[in-house]
C-alpha atoms as a PDB file:
ATOM      1  CA  UNK A   1     -15.184  10.669   4.663  1.00  0.00           C
ATOM      2  CA  UNK A   2     -17.693   8.845   2.128  1.00  0.00           C
ATOM      3  CA  UNK A   3     -15.889  10.673  -0.330  1.00  0.00           C
ATOM      4  CA  UNK A   4     -12.449  10.153   0.616  1.00  0.00           C
ATOM      5  CA  UNK A   5     -13.363   6.396   1.022  1.00  0.00           C
ATOM      6  CA  UNK A   6     -14.663   6.480  -2.670  1.00  0.00           C
ATOM      7  CA  UNK A   7     -11.533   8.048  -3.879  1.00  0.00           C
ATOM      8  CA  UNK A   8      -9.430   5.391  -2.068  1.00  0.00           C
ATOM      9  CA  UNK A   9     -11.555   2.554  -3.411  1.00  0.00           C
ATOM     10  CA  UNK A  10     -11.511   3.920  -7.133  1.00  0.00           C
ATOM     11  CA  UNK A  11      -8.007   4.153  -7.173  1.00  0.00           C
ATOM     12  CA  UNK A  12      -7.712   0.476  -6.176  1.00  0.00           C
ATOM     13  CA  UNK A  13     -10.250  -0.392  -8.642  1.00  0.00           C
ATOM     14  CA  UNK A  14      -8.640   1.550 -11.314  1.00  0.00           C
ATOM     15  CA  UNK A  15      -5.094  -0.212 -10.376  1.00  0.00           C
ATOM     16  CA  UNK A  16      -6.907  -3.758 -10.710  1.00  0.00           C
ATOM     17  CA  UNK A  17      -8.529  -2.995 -13.839  1.00  0.00           C
ATOM     18  CA  UNK A  18      -5.139  -1.629 -15.304  1.00  0.00           C
ATOM     19  CA  UNK A  19      -3.324  -4.681 -14.043  1.00  0.00           C
ATOM     20  CA  UNK A  20      -5.829  -7.257 -15.515  1.00  0.00           C
ATOM     21  CA  UNK A  21      -6.544  -5.357 -18.522  1.00  0.00           C
ATOM     22  CA  UNK A  22      -3.017  -5.322 -19.599  1.00  0.00           C
ATOM     23  CA  UNK A  23      -1.810  -8.436 -17.851  1.00  0.00           C
ATOM     24  CA  UNK A  24       0.644  -6.360 -15.804  1.00  0.00           C
ATOM     25  CA  UNK A  25       3.336  -7.885 -13.512  1.00  0.00           C
ATOM     26  CA  UNK A  26       2.403  -5.542 -10.907  1.00  0.00           C
ATOM     27  CA  UNK A  27      -0.375  -5.852  -8.391  1.00  0.00           C
ATOM     28  CA  UNK A  28      -3.343  -3.839  -8.705  1.00  0.00           C
ATOM     29  CA  UNK A  29      -3.569  -2.423  -5.391  1.00  0.00           C
ATOM     30  CA  UNK A  30      -0.013  -1.270  -6.098  1.00  0.00           C
ATOM     31  CA  UNK A  31      -0.884   0.593  -9.234  1.00  0.00           C
ATOM     32  CA  UNK A  32      -3.706   2.180  -7.115  1.00  0.00           C
ATOM     33  CA  UNK A  33      -1.171   3.562  -4.840  1.00  0.00           C
ATOM     34  CA  UNK A  34       0.585   5.337  -7.523  1.00  0.00           C
ATOM     35  CA  UNK A  35      -2.560   6.377  -9.004  1.00  0.00           C
ATOM     36  CA  UNK A  36      -3.672   7.999  -5.828  1.00  0.00           C
ATOM     37  CA  UNK A  37      -0.037   9.763  -5.497  1.00  0.00           C
ATOM     38  CA  UNK A  38      -1.025  11.174  -8.860  1.00  0.00           C
ATOM     39  CA  UNK A  39      -4.020  12.338  -7.328  1.00  0.00           C
ATOM     40  CA  UNK A  40      -2.504  13.793  -4.476  1.00  0.00           C
ATOM     41  CA  UNK A  41       0.123  15.563  -6.232  1.00  0.00           C
ATOM     42  CA  UNK A  42      -2.596  17.029  -8.772  1.00  0.00           C
ATOM     43  CA  UNK A  43      -4.563  18.343  -5.620  1.00  0.00           C
ATOM     44  CA  UNK A  44      -1.388  19.870  -3.860  1.00  0.00           C
ATOM     45  CA  UNK A  45      -0.806  21.754  -7.135  1.00  0.00           C
ATOM     46  CA  UNK A  46      -4.021  22.858  -7.931  1.00  0.00           C
ATOM     47  CA  UNK A  47      -5.964  23.149  -4.687  1.00  0.00           C
ATOM     48  CA  UNK A  48      -8.628  24.947  -6.095  1.00  0.00           C
ATOM     49  CA  UNK A  49     -11.918  23.450  -7.541  1.00  0.00           C
ATOM     50  CA  UNK A  50     -11.719  20.069  -5.671  1.00  0.00           C
ATOM     51  CA  UNK A  51     -14.648  19.317  -2.944  1.00  0.00           C
ATOM     52  CA  UNK A  52     -13.760  20.229   0.158  1.00  0.00           C
ATOM     53  CA  UNK A  53     -13.150  16.591   1.702  1.00  0.00           C
ATOM     54  CA  UNK A  54     -10.283  16.415  -0.626  1.00  0.00           C
ATOM     55  CA  UNK A  55      -8.518  19.548   0.470  1.00  0.00           C
ATOM     56  CA  UNK A  56      -9.227  20.089   3.800  1.00  0.00           C
ATOM     57  CA  UNK A  57      -7.819  17.098   5.466  1.00  0.00           C
ATOM     58  CA  UNK A  58     -10.303  14.651   5.451  1.00  0.00           C
ATOM     59  CA  UNK A  59      -8.623  12.253   3.481  1.00  0.00           C
ATOM     60  CA  UNK A  60      -5.375  12.285   5.360  1.00  0.00           C
ATOM     61  CA  UNK A  61      -7.611  11.481   8.425  1.00  0.00           C
ATOM     62  CA  UNK A  62      -9.662   8.606   6.891  1.00  0.00           C
ATOM     63  CA  UNK A  63      -6.057   7.272   5.841  1.00  0.00           C
ATOM     64  CA  UNK A  64      -5.227   7.626   9.610  1.00  0.00           C
ATOM     65  CA  UNK A  65      -8.364   5.986  10.480  1.00  0.00           C
ATOM     66  CA  UNK A  66      -7.552   2.992   8.304  1.00  0.00           C
ATOM     67  CA  UNK A  67      -4.146   2.386   9.487  1.00  0.00           C
ATOM     68  CA  UNK A  68      -5.065   2.526  12.999  1.00  0.00           C
ATOM     69  CA  UNK A  69      -7.342  -0.283  12.576  1.00  0.00           C
ATOM     70  CA  UNK A  70      -4.870  -1.796  10.233  1.00  0.00           C
ATOM     71  CA  UNK A  71      -4.145  -5.142  12.363  1.00  0.00           C
ATOM     72  CA  UNK A  72      -8.001  -6.118  11.718  1.00  0.00           C
ATOM     73  CA  UNK A  73      -7.406  -7.084   8.307  1.00  0.00           C
ATOM     74  CA  UNK A  74      -4.695  -9.820   9.129  1.00  0.00           C
ATOM     75  CA  UNK A  75      -7.454 -11.794  11.091  1.00  0.00           C
ATOM     76  CA  UNK A  76      -8.620 -13.487   8.129  1.00  0.00           C
ATOM     77  CA  UNK A  77      -5.091 -14.022   6.804  1.00  0.00           C
ATOM     78  CA  UNK A  78      -4.207 -15.487  10.028  1.00  0.00           C
ATOM     79  CA  UNK A  79      -7.376 -17.662  10.206  1.00  0.00           C
ATOM     80  CA  UNK A  80      -6.281 -19.313   6.468  1.00  0.00           C
ATOM     81  CA  UNK A  81      -2.781 -19.995   7.831  1.00  0.00           C
ATOM     82  CA  UNK A  82      -4.330 -21.956  10.711  1.00  0.00           C
ATOM     83  CA  UNK A  83      -6.789 -23.834   8.212  1.00  0.00           C
ATOM     84  CA  UNK A  84      -3.569 -24.755   6.231  1.00  0.00           C
ATOM     85  CA  UNK A  85      -1.005 -26.072   8.671  1.00  0.00           C
ATOM     86  CA  UNK A  86      -0.559 -29.139   6.503  1.00  0.00           C
ATOM     87  CA  UNK A  87       0.854 -26.799   3.763  1.00  0.00           C
ATOM     88  CA  UNK A  88       2.803 -24.799   6.250  1.00  0.00           C
ATOM     89  CA  UNK A  89       4.435 -28.114   7.732  1.00  0.00           C
ATOM     90  CA  UNK A  90       5.275 -29.091   4.092  1.00  0.00           C
ATOM     91  CA  UNK A  91       7.104 -26.108   2.978  1.00  0.00           C
ATOM     92  CA  UNK A  92       7.683 -24.482   6.425  1.00  0.00           C
ATOM     93  CA  UNK A  93      11.318 -24.053   6.054  1.00  0.00           C
ATOM     94  CA  UNK A  94      11.431 -22.876   2.661  1.00  0.00           C
ATOM     95  CA  UNK A  95       8.753 -19.785   3.539  1.00  0.00           C
ATOM     96  CA  UNK A  96      11.198 -19.225   6.769  1.00  0.00           C
ATOM     97  CA  UNK A  97      14.031 -18.765   4.445  1.00  0.00           C
ATOM     98  CA  UNK A  98      11.926 -16.502   1.771  1.00  0.00           C
ATOM     99  CA  UNK A  99      10.584 -14.644   4.799  1.00  0.00           C
ATOM    100  CA  UNK A 100      14.200 -13.932   6.228  1.00  0.00           C
ATOM    101  CA  UNK A 101      15.932 -12.934   2.896  1.00  0.00           C
ATOM    102  CA  UNK A 102      12.970 -10.656   1.522  1.00  0.00           C
ATOM    103  CA  UNK A 103      12.981  -8.884   5.132  1.00  0.00           C
ATOM    104  CA  UNK A 104      16.942  -8.348   5.084  1.00  0.00           C
ATOM    105  CA  UNK A 105      16.437  -7.140   1.217  1.00  0.00           C
ATOM    106  CA  UNK A 106      13.875  -4.714   2.296  1.00  0.00           C
ATOM    107  CA  UNK A 107      15.942  -3.488   5.509  1.00  0.00           C
ATOM    108  CA  UNK A 108      18.910  -3.161   2.995  1.00  0.00           C
ATOM    109  CA  UNK A 109      16.871  -1.170   0.465  1.00  0.00           C
ATOM    110  CA  UNK A 110      15.430   1.019   3.078  1.00  0.00           C
ATOM    111  CA  UNK A 111      18.945   1.840   4.374  1.00  0.00           C
ATOM    112  CA  UNK A 112      20.207   2.797   0.901  1.00  0.00           C
ATOM    113  CA  UNK A 113      17.230   4.593   0.376  1.00  0.00           C
ATOM    114  CA  UNK A 114      17.319   6.543   3.157  1.00  0.00           C
ATOM    115  CA  UNK A 115      21.155   7.439   2.849  1.00  0.00           C
ATOM    116  CA  UNK A 116      20.386   8.570  -0.585  1.00  0.00           C
ATOM    117  CA  UNK A 117      17.790  10.839   0.567  1.00  0.00           C
ATOM    118  CA  UNK A 118      19.481  12.150   3.478  1.00  0.00           C
ATOM    119  CA  UNK A 119      22.791  12.898   1.036  1.00  0.00           C
ATOM    120  CA  UNK A 120      20.372  14.462  -1.465  1.00  0.00           C
ATOM    121  CA  UNK A 121      18.715  17.140   1.016  1.00  0.00           C
ATOM    122  CA  UNK A 122      21.991  17.558   2.987  1.00  0.00           C
ATOM    123  CA  UNK A 123      21.102  15.984   6.229  1.00  0.00           C
END
């Protein structure tokens, strides 16, 4: 589990370093996820020679464990919002519109992506 967490954090750190070094408009954690995807792709193509925690399902179990407790990571953000209710009151309508529009766009993008993949796979 320690090796799995180390890999996850190293990918995020590498993403942060790349984003800040090259002033990329993409957040570091997103770049880190892409790096992790690349590592997992390489792992699945060449399973030999890697440490056991990266090939025996420990990495997947670690990720599922983090996802199971993901809601705990929202507590500090929620406390921060409560601490700045004045900003929320001043910009509440604009934030609400941005939230609704971005959610609708994400749903539409998901539908199109799902439809595209379903057509490509024949399902």
